[in-house]
Amino acid sequence: MSTKLLTVLLVGVVAVSLVGAVSFVGGVVRFLVLLMGLGAFVLAARGARGDEEGGLVFGTGEDESAAT
């Protein structure tokens, strides 16, 4: 990893930690960060790819049991 990426990561972690210390707003911010992290993990794990319209495709959308 480059030094610039590590610096940006450190600044982000510190910023989220500081905002997370605020009572109500901090909880909401931490929850949103959690959702973004989980979404990024799912996209990376599933190997998200773009379709022709530019949307994300996670499957064919067809019921495989109907094909038999």
Protein backbone atom coordinates (compact mmCIF):
# COMPACT_ATOMS: atom_id res chain seq x y z
CA MET A 1 0.00 0.00 0.00
CA SER A 2 1.19 3.46 -0.72
CA THR A 3 1.76 6.06 1.97
CA LYS A 4 -1.05 8.21 0.58
CA LEU A 5 -3.60 5.39 0.92
CA LEU A 6 -2.51 4.68 4.47
CA THR A 7 -2.78 8.38 5.33
CA VAL A 8 -6.30 8.57 3.90
CA LEU A 9 -7.28 5.41 5.79
CA LEU A 10 -5.89 6.80 9.05
CA VAL A 11 -7.69 10.14 8.60
CA GLY A 12 -10.96 8.30 7.86
CA VAL A 13 -10.66 6.05 10.90
CA VAL A 14 -9.88 9.01 13.16
CA ALA A 15 -12.78 11.04 11.72
CA VAL A 16 -15.29 8.21 12.17
CA SER A 17 -13.99 7.61 15.69
CA LEU A 18 -14.39 11.27 16.64
CA VAL A 19 -17.88 11.53 15.18
CA GLY A 20 -18.72 8.17 16.75
CA ALA A 21 -18.04 9.64 20.18
CA VAL A 22 -21.08 11.94 19.85
CA SER A 23 -24.10 10.30 21.48
CA PHE A 24 -26.95 9.95 18.93
CA VAL A 25 -25.21 11.14 15.78
CA GLY A 26 -22.26 8.89 16.47
CA GLY A 27 -24.42 5.79 16.57
CA VAL A 28 -26.05 6.67 13.26
CA VAL A 29 -22.69 7.39 11.63
CA ARG A 30 -21.20 4.12 12.90
CA PHE A 31 -24.23 2.22 11.59
CA LEU A 32 -23.92 3.86 8.16
CA VAL A 33 -20.20 3.06 8.05
CA LEU A 34 -21.03 -0.55 8.95
CA LEU A 35 -23.58 -0.78 6.12
CA MET A 36 -21.12 0.70 3.61
CA GLY A 37 -18.44 -1.74 4.72
CA LEU A 38 -20.77 -4.72 4.46
CA GLY A 39 -21.91 -3.57 1.02
CA ALA A 40 -18.33 -3.25 -0.17
CA PHE A 41 -17.57 -6.71 1.20
CA VAL A 42 -20.55 -8.25 -0.60
CA LEU A 43 -19.63 -6.57 -3.88
CA ALA A 44 -16.05 -7.79 -3.60
CA ALA A 45 -17.04 -11.29 -2.54
CA ARG A 46 -19.68 -11.74 -5.24
CA GLY A 47 -17.48 -10.30 -7.99
CA ALA A 48 -19.97 -7.61 -8.98
CA ARG A 49 -20.09 -6.93 -12.68
CA GLY A 50 -21.92 -4.35 -14.76
CA ASP A 51 -24.64 -5.30 -17.20
CA GLU A 52 -25.49 -3.55 -20.47
CA GLU A 53 -27.65 -0.90 -18.75
CA GLY A 54 -24.92 -0.09 -16.26
CA GLY A 55 -26.59 -1.70 -13.24
CA LEU A 56 -25.13 -4.37 -11.04
CA VAL A 57 -25.96 -7.98 -11.76
CA PHE A 58 -25.81 -10.61 -9.00
CA GLY A 59 -27.53 -13.41 -10.87
CA THR A 60 -29.64 -14.21 -13.88
CA GLY A 61 -32.91 -13.39 -12.17
CA GLU A 62 -34.39 -16.64 -13.50
CA ASP A 63 -35.69 -19.42 -11.34
CA GLU A 64 -33.37 -22.36 -11.92
CA SER A 65 -35.90 -24.91 -10.66
CA ALA A 66 -38.33 -23.97 -13.46
CA ALA A 67 -35.76 -24.99 -16.09
CA THR A 68 -35.94 -28.68 -15.12
